[in-house]
Amino acid sequence: TPFFMRKEVMQEVAQLSQFDEELYKVIGKGSEKSDDNTVDEKYLIATSEQPIAAFLRDEWLKPEDLPIRYAGMSTCFRQEVGSHGRDTRGIFRVHQFEKIEQFVYASPHDGKSWEMFDEMVGTAEEFYQSLGIPYRIVNIVSGALNHAASKKLDLEAWFPGSQAFRELVSCSNCTDYQARRLRIRYGQTKKMMDKV
């Protein structure tokens, strides 16, 4: 996935509160033309979910094409503001890291997005189990969710060195939040306005 996203697209996939607390902003010249004085604002991605979500921006999806599953592997960047003193040793709370992401565009009908959510959690569990890593699943309380997520589960692995469970995987169901903001539509014709 790309390292940068344009500001207007990032605003459609990320909460504005993330901009100051989490995302790195990059400002540059709008183009190579000598007479172009426009300023181009981009943000470094915090997760490959952001460009994957925007991949089908302004598209109409056919019911028979769903679900559409993606995996993203990317270098991610986060400011980690406010994390001082919290999990700061070792690989936790670093500003640049590699991340693998599962992402699914699913039908809004018949609980399909929830089936895909369960499938993604199951895939993460299978990975932990294949490595023999002890883990637990934590259901994140609604007050701690961002605006996009309807439900979020963290899979926390046991770290014997620190005698603690630490989050390594998060699975969220964003229902139609991102689809509405990105204008990703679902249906046979453009007259149908269901969101993915």
C-alpha atoms as a PDB file:
ATOM      1  CA  THR A   1       0.000   0.000   0.000  1.00  0.00           C
ATOM      2  CA  PRO A   2       1.158   3.590  -0.464  1.00  0.00           C
ATOM      3  CA  PHE A   3       2.860   5.451   2.393  1.00  0.00           C
ATOM      4  CA  PHE A   4       0.943   8.701   1.784  1.00  0.00           C
ATOM      5  CA  MET A   5      -2.698   9.675   1.313  1.00  0.00           C
ATOM      6  CA  ARG A   6      -4.098  13.004   0.174  1.00  0.00           C
ATOM      7  CA  LYS A   7      -5.758  15.028   2.912  1.00  0.00           C
ATOM      8  CA  GLU A   8      -9.254  14.912   1.401  1.00  0.00           C
ATOM      9  CA  VAL A   9      -9.159  11.113   1.147  1.00  0.00           C
ATOM     10  CA  MET A  10      -7.636  10.630   4.606  1.00  0.00           C
ATOM     11  CA  GLN A  11     -10.480  12.726   6.047  1.00  0.00           C
ATOM     12  CA  GLU A  12     -12.919  10.183   4.631  1.00  0.00           C
ATOM     13  CA  VAL A  13     -11.241   7.158   6.228  1.00  0.00           C
ATOM     14  CA  ALA A  14      -9.886   8.525   9.532  1.00  0.00           C
ATOM     15  CA  GLN A  15     -11.361  10.498  12.391  1.00  0.00           C
ATOM     16  CA  LEU A  16     -10.300  14.125  12.510  1.00  0.00           C
ATOM     17  CA  SER A  17      -9.138  13.657  16.115  1.00  0.00           C
ATOM     18  CA  GLN A  18      -6.575  11.163  14.771  1.00  0.00           C
ATOM     19  CA  PHE A  19      -4.952  13.849  12.649  1.00  0.00           C
ATOM     20  CA  ASP A  20      -3.298  15.709  15.535  1.00  0.00           C
ATOM     21  CA  GLU A  21      -2.761  12.765  17.858  1.00  0.00           C
ATOM     22  CA  GLU A  22      -1.687  10.010  15.504  1.00  0.00           C
ATOM     23  CA  LEU A  23      -0.928  11.014  11.923  1.00  0.00           C
ATOM     24  CA  TYR A  24       2.160  12.611  10.443  1.00  0.00           C
ATOM     25  CA  LYS A  25       1.438  15.432   8.008  1.00  0.00           C
ATOM     26  CA  VAL A  26       3.645  16.046   4.981  1.00  0.00           C
ATOM     27  CA  ILE A  27       3.395  19.358   3.145  1.00  0.00           C
ATOM     28  CA  GLY A  28       4.910  19.866  -0.267  1.00  0.00           C
ATOM     29  CA  LYS A  29       4.580  21.748  -3.486  1.00  0.00           C
ATOM     30  CA  GLY A  30       1.497  20.862  -5.535  1.00  0.00           C
ATOM     31  CA  SER A  31       3.449  19.961  -8.685  1.00  0.00           C
ATOM     32  CA  GLU A  32       6.821  20.236 -10.381  1.00  0.00           C
ATOM     33  CA  LYS A  33       5.742  23.240 -12.483  1.00  0.00           C
ATOM     34  CA  SER A  34       7.705  26.361 -11.568  1.00  0.00           C
ATOM     35  CA  ASP A  35       4.604  28.588 -11.670  1.00  0.00           C
ATOM     36  CA  ASP A  36       2.509  26.272  -9.450  1.00  0.00           C
ATOM     37  CA  ASN A  37       2.445  27.667  -5.904  1.00  0.00           C
ATOM     38  CA  THR A  38      -0.257  25.366  -4.540  1.00  0.00           C
ATOM     39  CA  VAL A  39       0.427  23.452  -1.351  1.00  0.00           C
ATOM     40  CA  ASP A  40      -0.125  19.712  -1.372  1.00  0.00           C
ATOM     41  CA  GLU A  41      -1.047  18.180   1.995  1.00  0.00           C
ATOM     42  CA  LYS A  42      -0.614  14.468   2.518  1.00  0.00           C
ATOM     43  CA  TYR A  43      -0.592  12.209   5.551  1.00  0.00           C
ATOM     44  CA  LEU A  44       1.567   9.182   6.255  1.00  0.00           C
ATOM     45  CA  ILE A  45      -0.670   6.144   6.750  1.00  0.00           C
ATOM     46  CA  ALA A  46      -1.213   4.824  10.291  1.00  0.00           C
ATOM     47  CA  THR A  47      -2.560   1.508   8.976  1.00  0.00           C
ATOM     48  CA  SER A  48      -2.944  -0.090   5.556  1.00  0.00           C
ATOM     49  CA  GLU A  49      -6.691  -0.123   6.275  1.00  0.00           C
ATOM     50  CA  GLN A  50      -6.747   3.532   5.228  1.00  0.00           C
ATOM     51  CA  PRO A  51      -5.624   3.124   1.583  1.00  0.00           C
ATOM     52  CA  ILE A  52      -7.444  -0.218   1.244  1.00  0.00           C
ATOM     53  CA  ALA A  53     -10.708   1.405   2.382  1.00  0.00           C
ATOM     54  CA  ALA A  54     -10.217   4.151  -0.209  1.00  0.00           C
ATOM     55  CA  PHE A  55      -9.348   1.685  -2.983  1.00  0.00           C
ATOM     56  CA  LEU A  56     -12.984   1.485  -4.155  1.00  0.00           C
ATOM     57  CA  ARG A  57     -13.855   5.120  -3.436  1.00  0.00           C
ATOM     58  CA  ASP A  58     -16.789   6.360  -5.575  1.00  0.00           C
ATOM     59  CA  GLU A  59     -17.428   2.838  -6.942  1.00  0.00           C
ATOM     60  CA  TRP A  60     -20.652   0.876  -7.454  1.00  0.00           C
ATOM     61  CA  LEU A  61     -20.310  -2.746  -6.357  1.00  0.00           C
ATOM     62  CA  LYS A  62     -22.436  -5.594  -7.661  1.00  0.00           C
ATOM     63  CA  PRO A  63     -24.008  -7.960  -5.112  1.00  0.00           C
ATOM     64  CA  GLU A  64     -22.471 -10.975  -6.846  1.00  0.00           C
ATOM     65  CA  ASP A  65     -18.966  -9.491  -6.414  1.00  0.00           C
ATOM     66  CA  LEU A  66     -19.209  -9.421  -2.615  1.00  0.00           C
ATOM     67  CA  PRO A  67     -17.515 -10.151  -0.347  1.00  0.00           C
ATOM     68  CA  ILE A  68     -14.263  -8.662  -1.611  1.00  0.00           C
ATOM     69  CA  ARG A  69     -11.337  -9.612   0.623  1.00  0.00           C
ATOM     70  CA  TYR A  70      -8.018  -7.776   0.751  1.00  0.00           C
ATOM     71  CA  ALA A  71      -4.807  -8.209   2.680  1.00  0.00           C
ATOM     72  CA  GLY A  72      -2.439  -5.304   3.033  1.00  0.00           C
ATOM     73  CA  MET A  73       1.163  -5.275   4.119  1.00  0.00           C
ATOM     74  CA  SER A  74       2.674  -1.887   4.715  1.00  0.00           C
ATOM     75  CA  THR A  75       5.040   0.299   6.605  1.00  0.00           C
ATOM     76  CA  CYS A  76       2.918   2.405   8.955  1.00  0.00           C
ATOM     77  CA  PHE A  77       3.664   5.624  10.802  1.00  0.00           C
ATOM     78  CA  ARG A  78       2.163   6.933  14.057  1.00  0.00           C
ATOM     79  CA  GLN A  79       3.063   9.787  16.346  1.00  0.00           C
ATOM     80  CA  GLU A  80       1.937   7.864  19.451  1.00  0.00           C
ATOM     81  CA  VAL A  81       1.230  11.117  21.283  1.00  0.00           C
ATOM     82  CA  GLY A  82       0.317  10.525  24.914  1.00  0.00           C
ATOM     83  CA  SER A  83       1.955   7.109  25.100  1.00  0.00           C
ATOM     84  CA  HIS A  84       4.876   8.252  27.278  1.00  0.00           C
ATOM     85  CA  GLY A  85       5.492   5.710  30.009  1.00  0.00           C
ATOM     86  CA  ARG A  86       3.067   3.178  28.525  1.00  0.00           C
ATOM     87  CA  ASP A  87       4.505   0.088  26.808  1.00  0.00           C
ATOM     88  CA  THR A  88       7.445   2.144  25.621  1.00  0.00           C
ATOM     89  CA  ARG A  89      10.159  -0.511  25.910  1.00  0.00           C
ATOM     90  CA  GLY A  90      11.021  -2.789  23.018  1.00  0.00           C
ATOM     91  CA  ILE A  91       8.857  -2.756  19.905  1.00  0.00           C
ATOM     92  CA  PHE A  92       5.828  -1.071  21.443  1.00  0.00           C
ATOM     93  CA  ARG A  93       4.899   2.537  20.724  1.00  0.00           C
ATOM     94  CA  VAL A  94       7.368   3.050  17.912  1.00  0.00           C
ATOM     95  CA  HIS A  95       6.815   5.643  15.197  1.00  0.00           C
ATOM     96  CA  GLN A  96       7.418   3.366  12.194  1.00  0.00           C
ATOM     97  CA  PHE A  97       6.482  -0.309  11.955  1.00  0.00           C
ATOM     98  CA  GLU A  98       5.375  -3.044   9.576  1.00  0.00           C
ATOM     99  CA  LYS A  99       1.766  -4.198   9.684  1.00  0.00           C
ATOM    100  CA  ILE A 100      -0.440  -6.761   7.969  1.00  0.00           C
ATOM    101  CA  GLU A 101      -4.124  -5.938   7.617  1.00  0.00           C
ATOM    102  CA  GLN A 102      -7.267  -7.885   6.722  1.00  0.00           C
ATOM    103  CA  PHE A 103     -10.012  -5.864   5.043  1.00  0.00           C
ATOM    104  CA  VAL A 104     -13.367  -6.962   3.627  1.00  0.00           C
ATOM    105  CA  TYR A 105     -16.049  -5.152   1.640  1.00  0.00           C
ATOM    106  CA  ALA A 106     -19.238  -7.070   2.505  1.00  0.00           C
ATOM    107  CA  SER A 107     -22.960  -6.880   1.813  1.00  0.00           C
ATOM    108  CA  PRO A 108     -24.936  -4.751   4.262  1.00  0.00           C
ATOM    109  CA  HIS A 109     -27.713  -7.358   4.245  1.00  0.00           C
ATOM    110  CA  ASP A 110     -28.397 -10.593   6.134  1.00  0.00           C
ATOM    111  CA  GLY A 111     -25.591 -10.133   8.650  1.00  0.00           C
ATOM    112  CA  LYS A 112     -22.899 -10.630   6.010  1.00  0.00           C
ATOM    113  CA  SER A 113     -20.570  -7.997   7.473  1.00  0.00           C
ATOM    114  CA  TRP A 114     -20.792  -9.762  10.838  1.00  0.00           C
ATOM    115  CA  GLU A 115     -19.977 -13.098   9.196  1.00  0.00           C
ATOM    116  CA  MET A 116     -16.885 -11.528   7.645  1.00  0.00           C
ATOM    117  CA  PHE A 117     -15.961  -9.976  11.012  1.00  0.00           C
ATOM    118  CA  ASP A 118     -16.117 -13.432  12.635  1.00  0.00           C
ATOM    119  CA  GLU A 119     -14.057 -14.865   9.770  1.00  0.00           C
ATOM    120  CA  MET A 120     -11.318 -12.254  10.258  1.00  0.00           C
ATOM    121  CA  VAL A 121     -11.199 -12.906  14.016  1.00  0.00           C
ATOM    122  CA  GLY A 122     -11.020 -16.641  13.263  1.00  0.00           C
ATOM    123  CA  THR A 123      -8.128 -16.110  10.841  1.00  0.00           C
ATOM    124  CA  ALA A 124      -6.182 -14.169  13.481  1.00  0.00           C
ATOM    125  CA  GLU A 125      -6.908 -16.866  16.067  1.00  0.00           C
ATOM    126  CA  GLU A 126      -5.724 -19.605  13.701  1.00  0.00           C
ATOM    127  CA  PHE A 127      -2.459 -17.710  13.223  1.00  0.00           C
ATOM    128  CA  TYR A 128      -1.833 -17.440  16.986  1.00  0.00           C
ATOM    129  CA  GLN A 129      -2.756 -21.099  17.455  1.00  0.00           C
ATOM    130  CA  SER A 130      -0.444 -22.235  14.638  1.00  0.00           C
ATOM    131  CA  LEU A 131       2.455 -20.563  16.458  1.00  0.00           C
ATOM    132  CA  GLY A 132       1.405 -21.882  19.872  1.00  0.00           C
ATOM    133  CA  ILE A 133       1.103 -18.365  21.288  1.00  0.00           C
ATOM    134  CA  PRO A 134      -1.229 -18.020  24.288  1.00  0.00           C
ATOM    135  CA  TYR A 135      -3.775 -15.260  23.697  1.00  0.00           C
ATOM    136  CA  ARG A 136      -7.052 -13.834  24.845  1.00  0.00           C
ATOM    137  CA  ILE A 137      -9.804 -11.878  23.108  1.00  0.00           C
ATOM    138  CA  VAL A 138     -10.895  -8.562  24.597  1.00  0.00           C
ATOM    139  CA  ASN A 139     -14.187  -6.926  23.568  1.00  0.00           C
ATOM    140  CA  ILE A 140     -13.482  -3.182  23.482  1.00  0.00           C
ATOM    141  CA  VAL A 141     -16.098  -1.124  25.316  1.00  0.00           C
ATOM    142  CA  SER A 142     -18.181   1.236  23.192  1.00  0.00           C
ATOM    143  CA  GLY A 143     -16.747   4.341  24.878  1.00  0.00           C
ATOM    144  CA  ALA A 144     -13.259   3.406  23.663  1.00  0.00           C
ATOM    145  CA  LEU A 145     -14.283   2.853  20.021  1.00  0.00           C
ATOM    146  CA  ASN A 146     -13.593   5.389  17.307  1.00  0.00           C
ATOM    147  CA  HIS A 147     -16.493   6.718  15.216  1.00  0.00           C
ATOM    148  CA  ALA A 148     -15.969   4.139  12.477  1.00  0.00           C
ATOM    149  CA  ALA A 149     -16.152   0.911  14.478  1.00  0.00           C
ATOM    150  CA  SER A 150     -19.436  -0.670  15.460  1.00  0.00           C
ATOM    151  CA  LYS A 151     -17.562  -3.407  17.335  1.00  0.00           C
ATOM    152  CA  LYS A 152     -13.889  -4.058  17.971  1.00  0.00           C
ATOM    153  CA  LEU A 153     -12.111  -7.096  19.378  1.00  0.00           C
ATOM    154  CA  ASP A 154      -8.443  -7.062  20.347  1.00  0.00           C
ATOM    155  CA  LEU A 155      -6.436 -10.254  20.342  1.00  0.00           C
ATOM    156  CA  GLU A 156      -3.805  -9.954  23.026  1.00  0.00           C
ATOM    157  CA  ALA A 157      -0.818 -12.297  23.170  1.00  0.00           C
ATOM    158  CA  TRP A 158       0.941 -13.330  26.355  1.00  0.00           C
ATOM    159  CA  PHE A 159       4.408 -11.802  26.735  1.00  0.00           C
ATOM    160  CA  PRO A 160       6.252 -13.845  29.375  1.00  0.00           C
ATOM    161  CA  GLY A 161       9.105 -11.317  29.669  1.00  0.00           C
ATOM    162  CA  SER A 162       6.759  -8.609  30.905  1.00  0.00           C
ATOM    163  CA  GLN A 163       4.228 -11.020  32.440  1.00  0.00           C
ATOM    164  CA  ALA A 164       1.395  -9.294  30.594  1.00  0.00           C
ATOM    165  CA  PHE A 165      -1.005  -9.640  27.693  1.00  0.00           C
ATOM    166  CA  ARG A 166      -0.410  -7.094  24.934  1.00  0.00           C
ATOM    167  CA  GLU A 167      -2.515  -6.261  21.898  1.00  0.00           C
ATOM    168  CA  LEU A 168      -1.145  -7.513  18.599  1.00  0.00           C
ATOM    169  CA  VAL A 169      -4.336  -7.732  16.520  1.00  0.00           C
ATOM    170  CA  SER A 170      -7.492  -5.623  16.342  1.00  0.00           C
ATOM    171  CA  CYS A 171     -10.573  -6.614  14.367  1.00  0.00           C
ATOM    172  CA  SER A 172     -13.321  -4.048  13.789  1.00  0.00           C
ATOM    173  CA  ASN A 173     -16.632  -4.034  11.959  1.00  0.00           C
ATOM    174  CA  CYS A 174     -17.186  -0.547  10.592  1.00  0.00           C
ATOM    175  CA  THR A 175     -20.578  -1.475   9.087  1.00  0.00           C
ATOM    176  CA  ASP A 176     -21.373   1.356   6.627  1.00  0.00           C
ATOM    177  CA  TYR A 177     -19.373   4.192   8.228  1.00  0.00           C
ATOM    178  CA  GLN A 178     -16.457   4.169   5.784  1.00  0.00           C
ATOM    179  CA  ALA A 179     -18.606   3.223   2.787  1.00  0.00           C
ATOM    180  CA  ARG A 180     -20.831   6.275   3.290  1.00  0.00           C
ATOM    181  CA  ARG A 181     -17.900   8.658   3.640  1.00  0.00           C
ATOM    182  CA  LEU A 182     -16.119   7.138   0.630  1.00  0.00           C
ATOM    183  CA  ARG A 183     -19.320   6.926  -1.452  1.00  0.00           C
ATOM    184  CA  ILE A 184     -18.943   3.186  -2.051  1.00  0.00           C
ATOM    185  CA  ARG A 185     -22.357   1.976  -3.207  1.00  0.00           C
ATOM    186  CA  TYR A 186     -23.909  -1.438  -3.552  1.00  0.00           C
ATOM    187  CA  GLY A 187     -26.650  -2.590  -5.881  1.00  0.00           C
ATOM    188  CA  GLN A 188     -27.681  -3.437  -9.414  1.00  0.00           C
ATOM    189  CA  THR A 189     -28.197   0.125 -10.603  1.00  0.00           C
ATOM    190  CA  LYS A 190     -27.190   3.585  -9.520  1.00  0.00           C
ATOM    191  CA  LYS A 191     -30.754   4.105  -8.306  1.00  0.00           C
ATOM    192  CA  MET A 192     -30.075   1.759  -5.400  1.00  0.00           C
ATOM    193  CA  MET A 193     -28.402   3.645  -2.552  1.00  0.00           C
ATOM    194  CA  ASP A 194     -27.487   0.851  -0.111  1.00  0.00           C
ATOM    195  CA  LYS A 195     -24.004   1.244   1.276  1.00  0.00           C
ATOM    196  CA  VAL A 196     -21.532  -1.610   1.643  1.00  0.00           C
END
